[in-house]
Amino acid sequence: MVESVGYYLKDTYDFIDNGYPEPLGIWSKDRTLSKAESSVYLSSYLSGFWGLLFRKFSGFVPVFNEYFRKWQKKHNSGGDYIVFSDVYWTEPLPNKKVIKL
């Protein structure tokens, strides 16, 4: 008898552009910007507020898949990976508690 059913999400990070640059975030040597910080960075960049970018985000640059692949090739390091979510457990529907194989 089935007591519970688990669901999870699987996502691959393969760093392939397929002709469209895919952003990986805004990075520095020490960390990446949060979503909130990234929105401030991008709006400042698009508005031409270079002084704010320099004062608040000095050392940060937007990184795309293409750049990661070039770094990977140059350093012969780094790789693709798979991320799994937490498992969401639920009870099976009443008529699905027995599965005949």
C-alpha atoms as a PDB file:
ATOM      1  CA  MET A   1       0.000   0.000   0.000  1.00  0.00           C
ATOM      2  CA  VAL A   2       1.259   3.473  -0.889  1.00  0.00           C
ATOM      3  CA  GLU A   3       1.540   5.673   2.191  1.00  0.00           C
ATOM      4  CA  SER A   4       2.843   8.883   0.611  1.00  0.00           C
ATOM      5  CA  VAL A   5       3.924  10.315  -2.731  1.00  0.00           C
ATOM      6  CA  GLY A   6       6.920  12.607  -3.191  1.00  0.00           C
ATOM      7  CA  TYR A   7       7.413  15.218  -5.920  1.00  0.00           C
ATOM      8  CA  TYR A   8      10.534  17.179  -6.747  1.00  0.00           C
ATOM      9  CA  LEU A   9      11.823  19.497  -9.448  1.00  0.00           C
ATOM     10  CA  LYS A  10      15.029  18.885 -11.372  1.00  0.00           C
ATOM     11  CA  ASP A  11      16.812  21.638 -13.268  1.00  0.00           C
ATOM     12  CA  THR A  12      19.956  21.326 -15.340  1.00  0.00           C
ATOM     13  CA  TYR A  13      22.516  24.076 -15.538  1.00  0.00           C
ATOM     14  CA  ASP A  14      24.273  23.423 -18.808  1.00  0.00           C
ATOM     15  CA  PHE A  15      25.437  26.949 -19.684  1.00  0.00           C
ATOM     16  CA  ILE A  16      24.426  26.726 -23.350  1.00  0.00           C
ATOM     17  CA  ASP A  17      23.330  29.938 -25.081  1.00  0.00           C
ATOM     18  CA  ASN A  18      21.645  28.474 -28.186  1.00  0.00           C
ATOM     19  CA  GLY A  19      22.179  31.835 -29.885  1.00  0.00           C
ATOM     20  CA  TYR A  20      20.591  33.851 -27.061  1.00  0.00           C
ATOM     21  CA  PRO A  21      22.793  35.229 -24.286  1.00  0.00           C
ATOM     22  CA  GLU A  22      21.572  33.844 -20.971  1.00  0.00           C
ATOM     23  CA  PRO A  23      22.459  35.902 -17.895  1.00  0.00           C
ATOM     24  CA  LEU A  24      23.978  34.124 -14.914  1.00  0.00           C
ATOM     25  CA  GLY A  25      23.794  37.143 -12.629  1.00  0.00           C
ATOM     26  CA  ILE A  26      25.943  40.086 -11.682  1.00  0.00           C
ATOM     27  CA  TRP A  27      29.140  38.908 -10.071  1.00  0.00           C
ATOM     28  CA  SER A  28      32.194  40.215  -8.271  1.00  0.00           C
ATOM     29  CA  LYS A  29      35.163  38.167  -7.065  1.00  0.00           C
ATOM     30  CA  ASP A  30      33.475  37.840  -3.663  1.00  0.00           C
ATOM     31  CA  ARG A  31      29.751  37.361  -4.340  1.00  0.00           C
ATOM     32  CA  THR A  32      26.779  37.788  -6.660  1.00  0.00           C
ATOM     33  CA  LEU A  33      24.153  40.489  -6.352  1.00  0.00           C
ATOM     34  CA  SER A  34      20.733  39.600  -4.956  1.00  0.00           C
ATOM     35  CA  LYS A  35      17.652  40.021  -7.140  1.00  0.00           C
ATOM     36  CA  ALA A  36      16.895  43.372  -5.502  1.00  0.00           C
ATOM     37  CA  GLU A  37      20.477  44.583  -5.945  1.00  0.00           C
ATOM     38  CA  SER A  38      20.509  43.333  -9.547  1.00  0.00           C
ATOM     39  CA  SER A  39      17.398  45.351 -10.387  1.00  0.00           C
ATOM     40  CA  VAL A  40      19.050  48.520  -8.982  1.00  0.00           C
ATOM     41  CA  TYR A  41      22.237  47.722 -10.926  1.00  0.00           C
ATOM     42  CA  LEU A  42      20.392  47.143 -14.210  1.00  0.00           C
ATOM     43  CA  SER A  43      18.127  50.182 -13.887  1.00  0.00           C
ATOM     44  CA  SER A  44      21.149  52.351 -13.058  1.00  0.00           C
ATOM     45  CA  TYR A  45      23.065  50.900 -16.006  1.00  0.00           C
ATOM     46  CA  LEU A  46      20.198  51.423 -18.448  1.00  0.00           C
ATOM     47  CA  SER A  47      19.640  54.978 -17.145  1.00  0.00           C
ATOM     48  CA  GLY A  48      23.319  55.859 -17.450  1.00  0.00           C
ATOM     49  CA  PHE A  49      23.831  56.535 -13.721  1.00  0.00           C
ATOM     50  CA  TRP A  50      27.522  55.631 -13.905  1.00  0.00           C
ATOM     51  CA  GLY A  51      28.421  57.393 -10.661  1.00  0.00           C
ATOM     52  CA  LEU A  52      25.962  55.278  -8.671  1.00  0.00           C
ATOM     53  CA  LEU A  53      27.223  52.132 -10.351  1.00  0.00           C
ATOM     54  CA  PHE A  54      30.801  53.017  -9.473  1.00  0.00           C
ATOM     55  CA  ARG A  55      30.038  53.973  -5.856  1.00  0.00           C
ATOM     56  CA  LYS A  56      27.663  51.147  -5.000  1.00  0.00           C
ATOM     57  CA  PHE A  57      28.667  48.322  -7.352  1.00  0.00           C
ATOM     58  CA  SER A  58      32.369  48.772  -8.072  1.00  0.00           C
ATOM     59  CA  GLY A  59      33.856  45.428  -9.121  1.00  0.00           C
ATOM     60  CA  PHE A  60      30.566  43.878 -10.254  1.00  0.00           C
ATOM     61  CA  VAL A  61      29.945  42.799 -13.849  1.00  0.00           C
ATOM     62  CA  PRO A  62      27.061  41.044 -15.626  1.00  0.00           C
ATOM     63  CA  VAL A  63      28.025  37.443 -16.456  1.00  0.00           C
ATOM     64  CA  PHE A  64      26.516  35.409 -19.291  1.00  0.00           C
ATOM     65  CA  ASN A  65      26.831  31.736 -20.282  1.00  0.00           C
ATOM     66  CA  GLU A  66      29.304  32.646 -23.029  1.00  0.00           C
ATOM     67  CA  TYR A  67      31.681  34.202 -20.491  1.00  0.00           C
ATOM     68  CA  PHE A  68      31.456  31.160 -18.220  1.00  0.00           C
ATOM     69  CA  ARG A  69      32.286  28.818 -21.115  1.00  0.00           C
ATOM     70  CA  LYS A  70      35.331  30.956 -22.018  1.00  0.00           C
ATOM     71  CA  TRP A  71      36.504  30.916 -18.374  1.00  0.00           C
ATOM     72  CA  GLN A  72      35.919  27.156 -18.240  1.00  0.00           C
ATOM     73  CA  LYS A  73      38.040  26.579 -21.342  1.00  0.00           C
ATOM     74  CA  LYS A  74      40.834  28.919 -20.193  1.00  0.00           C
ATOM     75  CA  HIS A  75      41.106  27.380 -16.700  1.00  0.00           C
ATOM     76  CA  ASN A  76      40.132  23.818 -17.600  1.00  0.00           C
ATOM     77  CA  SER A  77      37.801  23.899 -14.601  1.00  0.00           C
ATOM     78  CA  GLY A  78      34.120  24.190 -13.738  1.00  0.00           C
ATOM     79  CA  GLY A  79      31.276  22.185 -15.174  1.00  0.00           C
ATOM     80  CA  ASP A  80      27.596  21.727 -15.713  1.00  0.00           C
ATOM     81  CA  TYR A  81      25.445  20.540 -12.850  1.00  0.00           C
ATOM     82  CA  ILE A  82      21.952  19.486 -11.816  1.00  0.00           C
ATOM     83  CA  VAL A  83      19.891  21.047  -9.023  1.00  0.00           C
ATOM     84  CA  PHE A  84      17.089  19.214  -7.214  1.00  0.00           C
ATOM     85  CA  SER A  85      14.405  20.915  -5.157  1.00  0.00           C
ATOM     86  CA  ASP A  86      13.253  19.713  -1.773  1.00  0.00           C
ATOM     87  CA  VAL A  87      10.777  16.839  -1.923  1.00  0.00           C
ATOM     88  CA  TYR A  88       7.111  17.758  -1.490  1.00  0.00           C
ATOM     89  CA  TRP A  89       5.365  14.868   0.246  1.00  0.00           C
ATOM     90  CA  THR A  90       1.621  14.303   0.086  1.00  0.00           C
ATOM     91  CA  GLU A  91      -0.797  11.495   0.803  1.00  0.00           C
ATOM     92  CA  PRO A  92      -2.068   9.616  -2.251  1.00  0.00           C
ATOM     93  CA  LEU A  93      -5.664  10.033  -3.349  1.00  0.00           C
ATOM     94  CA  PRO A  94      -7.937   7.470  -1.651  1.00  0.00           C
ATOM     95  CA  ASN A  95      -8.427   5.412  -4.833  1.00  0.00           C
ATOM     96  CA  LYS A  96      -4.643   5.380  -5.553  1.00  0.00           C
ATOM     97  CA  LYS A  97      -3.384   3.794  -2.320  1.00  0.00           C
ATOM     98  CA  VAL A  98      -2.811   0.431  -4.036  1.00  0.00           C
ATOM     99  CA  ILE A  99      -0.777   0.216  -7.237  1.00  0.00           C
ATOM    100  CA  LYS A 100      -0.739  -3.114  -9.075  1.00  0.00           C
ATOM    101  CA  LEU A 101       2.422  -3.778 -11.046  1.00  0.00           C
END
